[in-house]
Amino acid sequence: MANINGWSDFSDESYIFAFSSPERPPAPTFVSADSTSVTLGFLPSRNDFGIRVVGYELYIDEGDNTLSQFRKLSSYSVFKKLHTLTVVNDGLGALKTLYRVKLRAVNERGMYSEFSNELLFYFAPLPSQVASIRKNPLKSSSDSIAVEWDMIKFDTIPVLGYKLYANTGRNEPLRLVYESEAQISEFLYDSNANGERIDYQLVYRF
């Protein structure tokens, strides 16, 4: 520091370490669920900024209230790609309860990352499998194939929609050809709209 007369003496020395708290980890993902448990997926913090990450903390809210407080789950403390929360061990409520979860990392100096983005999920299984897809010959023509399926009417939580995948049977991967709302259960595969000719020597796979 200086004034008109000159510079002051040096200050006392300080030691500053070139590290920081870990980068916040990605948001958890929903993997599966049944009537008593939920399995979530995790990815680690991508950057420890010079100090080794030694643990992770998983938090869950009270359920069915997106303004409720979070609590730390003791069942998750070290990084795991998959972790199962249960009614018995983690205090999950009834099926169809809406939860938020978030994750943070801690390094060996006790410095915490910011929390990940929140995962919002229902305590409920993934939708049931569609039984089958059928051709509707009355709506099909030489230029189109009409397909239909049975809507899933009774599931743990409402079905939001369907995705239809198809290929031409030429040993090619299935590709998404249609995405519908839950109330729609049919699709007209039109050769003109899809830029290819319907070839009835091939078996079209949906």
N, C-alpha and C. Protein backbone atom coordinates (compact mmCIF):
# COMPACT_ATOMS: atom_id res chain seq x y z
N MET A 1 0.86 -1.18 0.00
CA MET A 1 0.00 0.00 0.00
C MET A 1 0.90 1.24 0.00
N ALA A 2 0.42 2.30 -0.67
CA ALA A 2 1.28 3.50 -0.78
C ALA A 2 0.47 4.75 -0.51
N ASN A 3 1.18 5.76 0.03
CA ASN A 3 0.61 7.11 0.10
C ASN A 3 1.63 8.06 -0.51
N ILE A 4 1.44 9.32 -0.30
CA ILE A 4 2.32 10.30 -0.93
C ILE A 4 3.77 10.20 -0.46
N ASN A 5 3.93 9.60 0.73
CA ASN A 5 5.28 9.49 1.28
C ASN A 5 6.01 8.22 0.87
N GLY A 6 5.27 7.27 0.31
CA GLY A 6 5.92 6.04 -0.11
C GLY A 6 5.10 4.81 0.20
N TRP A 7 5.77 3.64 0.20
CA TRP A 7 5.10 2.36 0.37
C TRP A 7 5.19 1.87 1.81
N SER A 8 4.18 1.14 2.23
CA SER A 8 4.16 0.52 3.56
C SER A 8 5.05 -0.71 3.56
N ASP A 9 5.25 -1.29 4.76
CA ASP A 9 5.90 -2.59 4.85
C ASP A 9 4.98 -3.66 4.25
N PHE A 10 5.56 -4.82 3.98
CA PHE A 10 4.76 -5.94 3.47
C PHE A 10 3.77 -6.44 4.53
N SER A 11 2.65 -6.95 4.09
CA SER A 11 1.68 -7.58 4.99
C SER A 11 2.23 -8.93 5.46
N ASP A 12 1.54 -9.52 6.42
CA ASP A 12 1.86 -10.90 6.78
C ASP A 12 1.61 -11.80 5.59
N GLU A 13 2.32 -12.92 5.52
CA GLU A 13 2.17 -13.84 4.40
C GLU A 13 0.88 -14.66 4.53
N SER A 14 0.27 -14.96 3.40
CA SER A 14 -0.91 -15.83 3.33
C SER A 14 -0.60 -16.96 2.36
N TYR A 15 -1.17 -18.11 2.63
CA TYR A 15 -0.98 -19.27 1.77
C TYR A 15 -2.32 -19.58 1.09
N ILE A 16 -2.33 -19.54 -0.22
CA ILE A 16 -3.54 -19.77 -0.99
C ILE A 16 -3.33 -21.00 -1.86
N PHE A 17 -4.24 -21.96 -1.71
CA PHE A 17 -4.14 -23.19 -2.48
C PHE A 17 -4.89 -23.07 -3.80
N ALA A 18 -4.29 -23.63 -4.84
CA ALA A 18 -4.88 -23.54 -6.18
C ALA A 18 -5.85 -24.69 -6.40
N PHE A 19 -6.94 -24.70 -5.65
CA PHE A 19 -7.99 -25.70 -5.87
C PHE A 19 -9.32 -25.09 -5.49
N SER A 20 -10.36 -25.80 -5.84
CA SER A 20 -11.71 -25.30 -5.58
C SER A 20 -12.60 -26.48 -5.26
N SER A 21 -13.85 -26.19 -4.94
CA SER A 21 -14.81 -27.27 -4.71
C SER A 21 -15.09 -28.00 -6.02
N PRO A 22 -15.54 -29.26 -5.96
CA PRO A 22 -15.76 -30.02 -7.19
C PRO A 22 -16.85 -29.41 -8.07
N GLU A 23 -16.78 -29.74 -9.34
CA GLU A 23 -17.86 -29.36 -10.25
C GLU A 23 -19.12 -30.12 -9.85
N ARG A 24 -20.26 -29.49 -9.95
CA ARG A 24 -21.47 -30.18 -9.54
C ARG A 24 -21.76 -31.35 -10.49
N PRO A 25 -22.23 -32.47 -9.96
CA PRO A 25 -22.47 -33.64 -10.81
C PRO A 25 -23.73 -33.46 -11.65
N PRO A 26 -23.88 -34.25 -12.71
CA PRO A 26 -25.12 -34.21 -13.50
C PRO A 26 -26.32 -34.66 -12.67
N ALA A 27 -27.49 -34.32 -13.12
CA ALA A 27 -28.71 -34.70 -12.42
C ALA A 27 -28.89 -36.22 -12.42
N PRO A 28 -29.42 -36.80 -11.36
CA PRO A 28 -29.75 -38.23 -11.37
C PRO A 28 -30.76 -38.54 -12.47
N THR A 29 -30.85 -39.81 -12.84
CA THR A 29 -31.82 -40.26 -13.85
C THR A 29 -32.67 -41.39 -13.29
N PHE A 30 -33.89 -41.49 -13.77
CA PHE A 30 -34.79 -42.57 -13.37
C PHE A 30 -34.47 -43.80 -14.21
N VAL A 31 -34.32 -44.96 -13.55
CA VAL A 31 -34.00 -46.20 -14.26
C VAL A 31 -35.19 -47.16 -14.24
N SER A 32 -35.69 -47.46 -13.05
CA SER A 32 -36.81 -48.40 -12.95
C SER A 32 -37.44 -48.29 -11.57
N ALA A 33 -38.58 -48.95 -11.41
CA ALA A 33 -39.26 -48.96 -10.11
C ALA A 33 -40.21 -50.13 -10.05
N ASP A 34 -40.54 -50.55 -8.83
CA ASP A 34 -41.60 -51.51 -8.60
C ASP A 34 -42.40 -51.02 -7.40
N SER A 35 -43.17 -51.88 -6.78
CA SER A 35 -44.07 -51.44 -5.72
C SER A 35 -43.36 -51.07 -4.42
N THR A 36 -42.07 -51.44 -4.27
CA THR A 36 -41.37 -51.18 -3.02
C THR A 36 -40.05 -50.44 -3.18
N SER A 37 -39.62 -50.15 -4.42
CA SER A 37 -38.31 -49.54 -4.59
C SER A 37 -38.23 -48.75 -5.89
N VAL A 38 -37.23 -47.85 -5.94
CA VAL A 38 -36.93 -47.06 -7.13
C VAL A 38 -35.43 -47.13 -7.36
N THR A 39 -35.01 -47.42 -8.59
CA THR A 39 -33.59 -47.44 -8.93
C THR A 39 -33.26 -46.20 -9.75
N LEU A 40 -32.23 -45.47 -9.31
CA LEU A 40 -31.79 -44.25 -9.98
C LEU A 40 -30.39 -44.43 -10.53
N GLY A 41 -30.05 -43.67 -11.56
CA GLY A 41 -28.73 -43.71 -12.16
C GLY A 41 -27.97 -42.41 -11.90
N PHE A 42 -26.64 -42.52 -11.81
CA PHE A 42 -25.81 -41.35 -11.46
C PHE A 42 -24.57 -41.30 -12.33
N LEU A 43 -24.06 -40.08 -12.53
CA LEU A 43 -22.77 -39.85 -13.14
C LEU A 43 -21.94 -39.01 -12.18
N PRO A 44 -20.62 -39.21 -12.13
CA PRO A 44 -19.79 -38.48 -11.18
C PRO A 44 -19.53 -37.05 -11.62
N SER A 45 -19.02 -36.26 -10.69
CA SER A 45 -18.55 -34.92 -11.01
C SER A 45 -17.44 -35.02 -12.06
N ARG A 46 -17.47 -34.18 -13.07
CA ARG A 46 -16.51 -34.28 -14.17
C ARG A 46 -15.16 -33.66 -13.86
N ASN A 47 -15.10 -32.82 -12.82
CA ASN A 47 -13.85 -32.12 -12.52
C ASN A 47 -13.73 -31.92 -11.02
N ASP A 48 -12.64 -32.42 -10.44
CA ASP A 48 -12.44 -32.24 -8.99
C ASP A 48 -11.64 -30.98 -8.67
N PHE A 49 -11.15 -30.28 -9.70
CA PHE A 49 -10.39 -29.03 -9.54
C PHE A 49 -9.21 -29.19 -8.59
N GLY A 50 -8.55 -30.32 -8.66
CA GLY A 50 -7.29 -30.49 -7.96
C GLY A 50 -7.33 -31.23 -6.64
N ILE A 51 -8.53 -31.44 -6.08
CA ILE A 51 -8.65 -32.16 -4.81
C ILE A 51 -9.60 -33.34 -5.02
N ARG A 52 -9.17 -34.51 -4.62
CA ARG A 52 -9.90 -35.74 -4.89
C ARG A 52 -11.29 -35.74 -4.25
N VAL A 53 -12.29 -36.13 -5.03
CA VAL A 53 -13.65 -36.29 -4.51
C VAL A 53 -13.71 -37.59 -3.72
N VAL A 54 -14.22 -37.52 -2.50
CA VAL A 54 -14.23 -38.70 -1.63
C VAL A 54 -15.65 -39.18 -1.30
N GLY A 55 -16.66 -38.45 -1.71
CA GLY A 55 -18.01 -38.88 -1.37
C GLY A 55 -19.08 -38.10 -2.10
N TYR A 56 -20.28 -38.62 -2.01
CA TYR A 56 -21.45 -37.98 -2.61
C TYR A 56 -22.60 -38.03 -1.62
N GLU A 57 -23.47 -37.04 -1.70
CA GLU A 57 -24.65 -37.00 -0.85
C GLU A 57 -25.89 -36.88 -1.72
N LEU A 58 -26.87 -37.72 -1.43
CA LEU A 58 -28.13 -37.75 -2.18
C LEU A 58 -29.24 -37.24 -1.28
N TYR A 59 -30.01 -36.31 -1.80
CA TYR A 59 -31.10 -35.70 -1.04
C TYR A 59 -32.43 -35.95 -1.74
N ILE A 60 -33.49 -36.12 -0.94
CA ILE A 60 -34.84 -36.33 -1.46
C ILE A 60 -35.80 -35.43 -0.68
N ASP A 61 -36.85 -34.97 -1.36
CA ASP A 61 -37.81 -34.12 -0.66
C ASP A 61 -38.89 -34.95 0.03
N GLU A 62 -39.88 -34.28 0.60
CA GLU A 62 -40.90 -34.98 1.38
C GLU A 62 -41.93 -35.70 0.52
N GLY A 63 -42.01 -35.35 -0.74
CA GLY A 63 -42.94 -36.01 -1.65
C GLY A 63 -44.24 -35.26 -1.81
N ASP A 64 -44.72 -35.18 -3.07
CA ASP A 64 -45.99 -34.55 -3.42
C ASP A 64 -46.05 -33.07 -3.04
N ASN A 65 -44.88 -32.45 -2.91
CA ASN A 65 -44.83 -31.02 -2.61
C ASN A 65 -43.50 -30.48 -3.11
N THR A 66 -43.53 -29.79 -4.24
CA THR A 66 -42.28 -29.33 -4.86
C THR A 66 -41.66 -28.15 -4.12
N LEU A 67 -42.30 -27.72 -3.04
CA LEU A 67 -41.71 -26.67 -2.19
C LEU A 67 -41.23 -27.23 -0.86
N SER A 68 -41.29 -28.54 -0.68
CA SER A 68 -40.93 -29.14 0.60
C SER A 68 -39.42 -29.19 0.79
N GLN A 69 -39.00 -29.41 2.04
CA GLN A 69 -37.59 -29.48 2.39
C GLN A 69 -36.97 -30.80 1.93
N PHE A 70 -35.66 -30.77 1.68
CA PHE A 70 -34.92 -31.98 1.32
C PHE A 70 -34.29 -32.58 2.57
N ARG A 71 -34.10 -33.89 2.55
CA ARG A 71 -33.38 -34.59 3.60
C ARG A 71 -32.32 -35.47 2.96
N LYS A 72 -31.20 -35.64 3.66
CA LYS A 72 -30.12 -36.47 3.14
C LYS A 72 -30.42 -37.94 3.37
N LEU A 73 -30.15 -38.75 2.36
CA LEU A 73 -30.35 -40.20 2.46
C LEU A 73 -29.06 -40.87 2.89
N SER A 74 -29.09 -41.55 4.01
CA SER A 74 -27.88 -42.19 4.53
C SER A 74 -27.47 -43.41 3.73
N SER A 75 -28.34 -43.93 2.89
CA SER A 75 -28.02 -45.15 2.13
C SER A 75 -27.06 -44.88 0.97
N TYR A 76 -26.80 -43.61 0.65
CA TYR A 76 -25.91 -43.28 -0.48
C TYR A 76 -24.82 -42.33 0.02
N SER A 77 -23.56 -42.80 0.01
CA SER A 77 -22.47 -41.95 0.50
C SER A 77 -21.23 -41.99 -0.40
N VAL A 78 -21.02 -43.06 -1.12
CA VAL A 78 -19.93 -43.15 -2.09
C VAL A 78 -20.54 -43.32 -3.48
N PHE A 79 -19.77 -42.95 -4.49
CA PHE A 79 -20.34 -42.96 -5.84
C PHE A 79 -20.70 -44.37 -6.29
N LYS A 80 -21.92 -44.50 -6.79
CA LYS A 80 -22.39 -45.72 -7.45
C LYS A 80 -23.19 -45.31 -8.67
N LYS A 81 -22.99 -46.03 -9.78
CA LYS A 81 -23.72 -45.70 -11.00
C LYS A 81 -25.21 -45.95 -10.84
N LEU A 82 -25.56 -46.96 -10.06
CA LEU A 82 -26.96 -47.29 -9.80
C LEU A 82 -27.18 -47.40 -8.30
N HIS A 83 -28.31 -46.92 -7.85
CA HIS A 83 -28.64 -47.03 -6.44
C HIS A 83 -30.14 -47.20 -6.30
N THR A 84 -30.56 -48.11 -5.43
CA THR A 84 -31.97 -48.41 -5.23
C THR A 84 -32.46 -47.84 -3.91
N LEU A 85 -33.48 -47.01 -3.98
CA LEU A 85 -34.16 -46.49 -2.80
C LEU A 85 -35.34 -47.40 -2.49
N THR A 86 -35.55 -47.68 -1.22
CA THR A 86 -36.63 -48.60 -0.84
C THR A 86 -37.55 -47.96 0.19
N VAL A 87 -38.73 -48.53 0.29
CA VAL A 87 -39.69 -48.09 1.29
C VAL A 87 -39.12 -48.29 2.69
N VAL A 88 -38.49 -49.45 2.91
CA VAL A 88 -37.99 -49.80 4.24
C VAL A 88 -36.79 -48.96 4.63
N ASN A 89 -35.79 -48.86 3.76
CA ASN A 89 -34.53 -48.20 4.11
C ASN A 89 -34.55 -46.69 3.96
N ASP A 90 -35.35 -46.18 3.03
CA ASP A 90 -35.28 -44.75 2.70
C ASP A 90 -36.58 -44.01 2.95
N GLY A 91 -37.57 -44.70 3.47
CA GLY A 91 -38.81 -44.03 3.84
C GLY A 91 -39.66 -43.55 2.69
N LEU A 92 -39.60 -44.26 1.55
CA LEU A 92 -40.46 -43.89 0.44
C LEU A 92 -41.93 -44.05 0.83
N GLY A 93 -42.78 -43.21 0.29
CA GLY A 93 -44.20 -43.25 0.61
C GLY A 93 -44.96 -44.22 -0.29
N ALA A 94 -46.19 -43.88 -0.54
CA ALA A 94 -47.07 -44.74 -1.34
C ALA A 94 -46.73 -44.62 -2.82
N LEU A 95 -47.13 -45.62 -3.59
CA LEU A 95 -47.00 -45.53 -5.04
C LEU A 95 -47.69 -44.27 -5.55
N LYS A 96 -47.15 -43.74 -6.64
CA LYS A 96 -47.64 -42.53 -7.30
C LYS A 96 -47.26 -41.25 -6.57
N THR A 97 -46.40 -41.35 -5.54
CA THR A 97 -45.89 -40.15 -4.88
C THR A 97 -44.87 -39.46 -5.80
N LEU A 98 -44.96 -38.16 -5.90
CA LEU A 98 -44.05 -37.37 -6.72
C LEU A 98 -42.87 -36.91 -5.88
N TYR A 99 -41.65 -37.22 -6.32
CA TYR A 99 -40.44 -36.88 -5.55
C TYR A 99 -39.49 -36.03 -6.39
N ARG A 100 -38.63 -35.28 -5.66
CA ARG A 100 -37.47 -34.61 -6.24
C ARG A 100 -36.22 -35.15 -5.55
N VAL A 101 -35.17 -35.40 -6.31
CA VAL A 101 -33.89 -35.79 -5.74
C VAL A 101 -32.79 -34.95 -6.37
N LYS A 102 -31.69 -34.77 -5.62
CA LYS A 102 -30.54 -34.04 -6.14
C LYS A 102 -29.29 -34.60 -5.48
N LEU A 103 -28.14 -34.35 -6.09
CA LEU A 103 -26.87 -34.97 -5.68
C LEU A 103 -25.81 -33.88 -5.57
N ARG A 104 -24.86 -34.07 -4.64
CA ARG A 104 -23.70 -33.20 -4.59
C ARG A 104 -22.47 -34.02 -4.22
N ALA A 105 -21.30 -33.49 -4.57
CA ALA A 105 -20.02 -34.16 -4.30
C ALA A 105 -19.28 -33.43 -3.20
N VAL A 106 -18.39 -34.15 -2.50
CA VAL A 106 -17.54 -33.54 -1.47
C VAL A 106 -16.12 -34.05 -1.67
N ASN A 107 -15.12 -33.15 -1.52
CA ASN A 107 -13.74 -33.57 -1.68
C ASN A 107 -13.09 -33.86 -0.33
N GLU A 108 -11.83 -34.26 -0.36
CA GLU A 108 -11.18 -34.69 0.87
C GLU A 108 -10.87 -33.54 1.83
N ARG A 109 -11.07 -32.30 1.39
CA ARG A 109 -10.94 -31.16 2.29
C ARG A 109 -12.30 -30.68 2.81
N GLY A 110 -13.34 -31.48 2.55
CA GLY A 110 -14.66 -31.13 3.06
C GLY A 110 -15.36 -30.03 2.30
N MET A 111 -14.94 -29.79 1.06
CA MET A 111 -15.57 -28.76 0.24
C MET A 111 -16.63 -29.40 -0.65
N TYR A 112 -17.81 -28.84 -0.61
CA TYR A 112 -18.94 -29.42 -1.35
C TYR A 112 -19.13 -28.73 -2.70
N SER A 113 -19.55 -29.51 -3.67
CA SER A 113 -19.97 -28.94 -4.94
C SER A 113 -21.35 -28.31 -4.78
N GLU A 114 -21.77 -27.58 -5.79
CA GLU A 114 -23.17 -27.18 -5.85
C GLU A 114 -24.01 -28.43 -6.09
N PHE A 115 -25.28 -28.34 -5.75
CA PHE A 115 -26.17 -29.46 -6.03
C PHE A 115 -26.40 -29.61 -7.52
N SER A 116 -26.61 -30.84 -7.93
CA SER A 116 -26.99 -31.11 -9.31
C SER A 116 -28.38 -30.52 -9.59
N ASN A 117 -28.74 -30.48 -10.85
CA ASN A 117 -30.13 -30.21 -11.17
C ASN A 117 -31.01 -31.30 -10.56
N GLU A 118 -32.23 -30.97 -10.29
CA GLU A 118 -33.13 -31.93 -9.63
C GLU A 118 -33.75 -32.89 -10.65
N LEU A 119 -33.93 -34.12 -10.22
CA LEU A 119 -34.72 -35.10 -10.97
C LEU A 119 -36.10 -35.15 -10.34
N LEU A 120 -37.12 -34.99 -11.15
CA LEU A 120 -38.50 -35.07 -10.70
C LEU A 120 -39.09 -36.37 -11.23
N PHE A 121 -39.59 -37.22 -10.35
CA PHE A 121 -40.12 -38.51 -10.81
C PHE A 121 -41.25 -38.97 -9.90
N TYR A 122 -42.09 -39.84 -10.46
CA TYR A 122 -43.13 -40.49 -9.68
C TYR A 122 -42.61 -41.84 -9.18
N PHE A 123 -42.98 -42.19 -7.95
CA PHE A 123 -42.70 -43.52 -7.43
C PHE A 123 -43.68 -44.47 -8.09
N ALA A 124 -43.29 -44.95 -9.27
CA ALA A 124 -44.16 -45.81 -10.08
C ALA A 124 -43.32 -46.49 -11.15
N PRO A 125 -43.73 -47.69 -11.58
CA PRO A 125 -42.99 -48.38 -12.64
C PRO A 125 -43.10 -47.65 -13.97
N LEU A 126 -42.23 -48.01 -14.90
CA LEU A 126 -42.35 -47.55 -16.27
C LEU A 126 -43.65 -48.10 -16.88
N PRO A 127 -44.14 -47.52 -17.97
CA PRO A 127 -45.40 -48.01 -18.54
C PRO A 127 -45.33 -49.49 -18.94
N SER A 128 -46.50 -50.11 -18.95
CA SER A 128 -46.58 -51.49 -19.41
C SER A 128 -46.22 -51.57 -20.89
N GLN A 129 -45.80 -52.75 -21.32
CA GLN A 129 -45.43 -52.95 -22.72
C GLN A 129 -46.68 -53.05 -23.58
N VAL A 130 -46.65 -52.39 -24.74
CA VAL A 130 -47.76 -52.54 -25.70
C VAL A 130 -47.78 -53.99 -26.18
N ALA A 131 -48.98 -54.59 -26.19
CA ALA A 131 -49.09 -56.02 -26.48
C ALA A 131 -48.63 -56.36 -27.90
N SER A 132 -49.14 -55.65 -28.91
CA SER A 132 -48.77 -55.97 -30.29
C SER A 132 -49.19 -54.81 -31.19
N ILE A 133 -48.61 -54.80 -32.38
CA ILE A 133 -48.97 -53.84 -33.41
C ILE A 133 -49.54 -54.61 -34.59
N ARG A 134 -50.68 -54.17 -35.11
CA ARG A 134 -51.38 -54.90 -36.16
C ARG A 134 -51.54 -54.03 -37.41
N LYS A 135 -51.54 -54.67 -38.57
CA LYS A 135 -51.89 -53.98 -39.81
C LYS A 135 -53.41 -53.92 -39.93
N ASN A 136 -53.91 -52.77 -40.33
CA ASN A 136 -55.33 -52.61 -40.61
C ASN A 136 -55.51 -52.64 -42.13
N PRO A 137 -55.96 -53.79 -42.67
CA PRO A 137 -56.05 -53.91 -44.14
C PRO A 137 -57.08 -52.98 -44.76
N LEU A 138 -58.11 -52.60 -44.02
CA LEU A 138 -59.16 -51.73 -44.57
C LEU A 138 -58.65 -50.31 -44.80
N LYS A 139 -57.66 -49.88 -44.04
CA LYS A 139 -57.12 -48.53 -44.19
C LYS A 139 -55.80 -48.51 -44.96
N SER A 140 -55.25 -49.68 -45.31
CA SER A 140 -54.00 -49.76 -46.04
C SER A 140 -54.27 -49.70 -47.55
N SER A 141 -53.22 -49.35 -48.31
CA SER A 141 -53.33 -49.27 -49.76
C SER A 141 -52.00 -49.66 -50.37
N SER A 142 -51.90 -49.47 -51.70
CA SER A 142 -50.64 -49.79 -52.37
C SER A 142 -49.53 -48.82 -52.01
N ASP A 143 -49.87 -47.67 -51.48
CA ASP A 143 -48.89 -46.66 -51.13
C ASP A 143 -48.72 -46.46 -49.63
N SER A 144 -49.45 -47.21 -48.83
CA SER A 144 -49.40 -46.96 -47.39
C SER A 144 -49.73 -48.22 -46.60
N ILE A 145 -49.24 -48.25 -45.39
CA ILE A 145 -49.56 -49.32 -44.45
C ILE A 145 -50.15 -48.68 -43.21
N ALA A 146 -51.37 -49.07 -42.88
CA ALA A 146 -52.02 -48.58 -41.67
C ALA A 146 -51.77 -49.57 -40.54
N VAL A 147 -51.23 -49.09 -39.44
CA VAL A 147 -50.99 -49.96 -38.28
C VAL A 147 -51.76 -49.40 -37.09
N GLU A 148 -52.09 -50.27 -36.15
CA GLU A 148 -52.82 -49.87 -34.95
C GLU A 148 -52.36 -50.72 -33.78
N TRP A 149 -52.66 -50.24 -32.59
CA TRP A 149 -52.28 -50.95 -31.38
C TRP A 149 -53.31 -50.67 -30.29
N ASP A 150 -53.31 -51.50 -29.28
CA ASP A 150 -54.23 -51.31 -28.17
C ASP A 150 -53.66 -50.29 -27.20
N MET A 151 -54.46 -49.30 -26.84
CA MET A 151 -54.04 -48.31 -25.87
C MET A 151 -53.95 -48.94 -24.48
N ILE A 152 -52.98 -48.49 -23.70
CA ILE A 152 -52.86 -48.92 -22.31
C ILE A 152 -53.75 -48.01 -21.47
N LYS A 153 -54.83 -48.56 -20.95
CA LYS A 153 -55.82 -47.75 -20.25
C LYS A 153 -55.64 -47.76 -18.73
N PHE A 154 -55.06 -48.82 -18.23
CA PHE A 154 -54.93 -48.93 -16.78
C PHE A 154 -53.47 -49.16 -16.43
N ASP A 155 -52.83 -48.14 -15.90
CA ASP A 155 -51.44 -48.25 -15.49
C ASP A 155 -51.29 -47.48 -14.18
N THR A 156 -50.13 -47.65 -13.52
CA THR A 156 -49.95 -47.01 -12.22
C THR A 156 -50.09 -45.49 -12.32
N ILE A 157 -49.47 -44.89 -13.31
CA ILE A 157 -49.64 -43.47 -13.60
C ILE A 157 -50.02 -43.33 -15.06
N PRO A 158 -50.66 -42.24 -15.46
CA PRO A 158 -51.16 -42.11 -16.83
C PRO A 158 -50.06 -42.21 -17.89
N VAL A 159 -50.40 -42.86 -19.00
CA VAL A 159 -49.50 -42.93 -20.15
C VAL A 159 -49.59 -41.61 -20.91
N LEU A 160 -48.44 -41.05 -21.27
CA LEU A 160 -48.40 -39.75 -21.95
C LEU A 160 -48.38 -39.87 -23.46
N GLY A 161 -47.90 -41.00 -23.99
CA GLY A 161 -47.83 -41.13 -25.44
C GLY A 161 -47.14 -42.40 -25.87
N TYR A 162 -47.03 -42.56 -27.20
CA TYR A 162 -46.42 -43.75 -27.79
C TYR A 162 -45.40 -43.32 -28.84
N LYS A 163 -44.37 -44.14 -29.03
CA LYS A 163 -43.41 -43.96 -30.11
C LYS A 163 -43.42 -45.20 -30.97
N LEU A 164 -43.51 -45.01 -32.29
CA LEU A 164 -43.55 -46.12 -33.23
C LEU A 164 -42.25 -46.15 -34.02
N TYR A 165 -41.61 -47.30 -34.03
CA TYR A 165 -40.35 -47.51 -34.76
C TYR A 165 -40.58 -48.52 -35.87
N ALA A 166 -39.86 -48.37 -36.97
CA ALA A 166 -40.05 -49.28 -38.11
C ALA A 166 -38.76 -49.41 -38.90
N ASN A 167 -38.66 -50.51 -39.65
CA ASN A 167 -37.67 -50.64 -40.71
C ASN A 167 -38.25 -51.48 -41.83
N THR A 168 -37.49 -51.64 -42.90
CA THR A 168 -38.01 -52.33 -44.08
C THR A 168 -37.59 -53.79 -44.15
N GLY A 169 -37.03 -54.31 -43.08
CA GLY A 169 -36.62 -55.71 -43.08
C GLY A 169 -35.31 -55.98 -43.78
N ARG A 170 -34.59 -54.93 -44.18
CA ARG A 170 -33.31 -55.11 -44.89
C ARG A 170 -32.13 -55.12 -43.92
N ASN A 171 -32.30 -55.68 -42.78
CA ASN A 171 -31.24 -55.77 -41.78
C ASN A 171 -30.74 -54.38 -41.40
N GLU A 172 -31.67 -53.44 -41.25
CA GLU A 172 -31.33 -52.08 -40.86
C GLU A 172 -31.92 -51.81 -39.48
N PRO A 173 -31.38 -50.85 -38.76
CA PRO A 173 -31.91 -50.57 -37.42
C PRO A 173 -33.31 -49.96 -37.49
N LEU A 174 -34.07 -50.20 -36.44
CA LEU A 174 -35.37 -49.54 -36.33
C LEU A 174 -35.17 -48.04 -36.19
N ARG A 175 -36.04 -47.26 -36.79
CA ARG A 175 -35.98 -45.81 -36.67
C ARG A 175 -37.35 -45.28 -36.26
N LEU A 176 -37.33 -44.17 -35.57
CA LEU A 176 -38.58 -43.55 -35.11
C LEU A 176 -39.33 -42.98 -36.31
N VAL A 177 -40.58 -43.42 -36.51
CA VAL A 177 -41.39 -42.91 -37.61
C VAL A 177 -42.60 -42.12 -37.13
N TYR A 178 -42.96 -42.26 -35.85
CA TYR A 178 -44.15 -41.56 -35.37
C TYR A 178 -44.11 -41.47 -33.86
N GLU A 179 -44.56 -40.33 -33.34
CA GLU A 179 -44.70 -40.12 -31.91
C GLU A 179 -46.07 -39.54 -31.66
N SER A 180 -46.87 -40.22 -30.85
CA SER A 180 -48.26 -39.82 -30.68
C SER A 180 -48.57 -39.45 -29.24
N GLU A 181 -49.73 -38.83 -29.05
CA GLU A 181 -50.26 -38.61 -27.73
C GLU A 181 -50.94 -39.88 -27.23
N ALA A 182 -51.29 -39.89 -25.95
CA ALA A 182 -51.83 -41.11 -25.34
C ALA A 182 -53.16 -41.53 -25.94
N GLN A 183 -53.92 -40.59 -26.51
CA GLN A 183 -55.26 -40.90 -27.00
C GLN A 183 -55.25 -41.44 -28.42
N ILE A 184 -54.09 -41.51 -29.05
CA ILE A 184 -54.00 -41.97 -30.44
C ILE A 184 -53.34 -43.34 -30.48
N SER A 185 -53.98 -44.27 -31.24
CA SER A 185 -53.46 -45.64 -31.27
C SER A 185 -53.40 -46.20 -32.69
N GLU A 186 -53.14 -45.33 -33.67
CA GLU A 186 -52.99 -45.80 -35.04
C GLU A 186 -52.09 -44.85 -35.81
N PHE A 187 -51.54 -45.36 -36.91
CA PHE A 187 -50.63 -44.56 -37.73
C PHE A 187 -50.68 -45.07 -39.16
N LEU A 188 -50.69 -44.14 -40.11
CA LEU A 188 -50.67 -44.48 -41.53
C LEU A 188 -49.26 -44.22 -42.05
N TYR A 189 -48.56 -45.32 -42.38
CA TYR A 189 -47.19 -45.21 -42.90
C TYR A 189 -47.30 -44.98 -44.40
N ASP A 190 -47.11 -43.74 -44.83
CA ASP A 190 -47.32 -43.31 -46.21
C ASP A 190 -45.99 -43.25 -46.94
N SER A 191 -45.88 -43.94 -48.06
CA SER A 191 -44.61 -43.97 -48.79
C SER A 191 -44.23 -42.59 -49.33
N ASN A 192 -45.23 -41.80 -49.74
CA ASN A 192 -44.93 -40.46 -50.26
C ASN A 192 -44.41 -39.56 -49.14
N ALA A 193 -45.06 -39.63 -47.99
CA ALA A 193 -44.66 -38.77 -46.88
C ALA A 193 -43.30 -39.15 -46.34
N ASN A 194 -42.94 -40.46 -46.42
CA ASN A 194 -41.69 -40.93 -45.85
C ASN A 194 -40.57 -41.06 -46.88
N GLY A 195 -40.85 -40.67 -48.13
CA GLY A 195 -39.80 -40.62 -49.14
C GLY A 195 -39.30 -41.97 -49.61
N GLU A 196 -40.12 -42.99 -49.55
CA GLU A 196 -39.71 -44.31 -50.04
C GLU A 196 -40.93 -45.05 -50.55
N ARG A 197 -40.69 -46.01 -51.42
CA ARG A 197 -41.78 -46.78 -52.01
C ARG A 197 -42.07 -48.01 -51.15
N ILE A 198 -43.36 -48.27 -50.92
CA ILE A 198 -43.74 -49.48 -50.20
C ILE A 198 -43.46 -50.69 -51.09
N ASP A 199 -42.66 -51.59 -50.62
CA ASP A 199 -42.29 -52.80 -51.37
C ASP A 199 -42.89 -54.00 -50.66
N TYR A 200 -43.89 -54.60 -51.26
CA TYR A 200 -44.60 -55.69 -50.59
C TYR A 200 -43.87 -57.03 -50.70
N GLN A 201 -42.68 -57.03 -51.31
CA GLN A 201 -41.84 -58.22 -51.26
C GLN A 201 -41.02 -58.25 -49.97
N LEU A 202 -41.06 -57.15 -49.26
CA LEU A 202 -40.35 -57.05 -47.99
C LEU A 202 -41.33 -57.17 -46.83
N VAL A 203 -40.82 -57.60 -45.71
CA VAL A 203 -41.62 -57.64 -44.49
C VAL A 203 -41.27 -56.40 -43.69
N TYR A 204 -42.23 -55.53 -43.52
CA TYR A 204 -41.99 -54.31 -42.75
C TYR A 204 -42.15 -54.62 -41.28
N ARG A 205 -41.19 -54.19 -40.52
CA ARG A 205 -41.16 -54.47 -39.09
C ARG A 205 -41.49 -53.22 -38.28
N PHE A 206 -42.50 -53.31 -37.42
CA PHE A 206 -42.88 -52.20 -36.56
C PHE A 206 -42.73 -52.60 -35.12
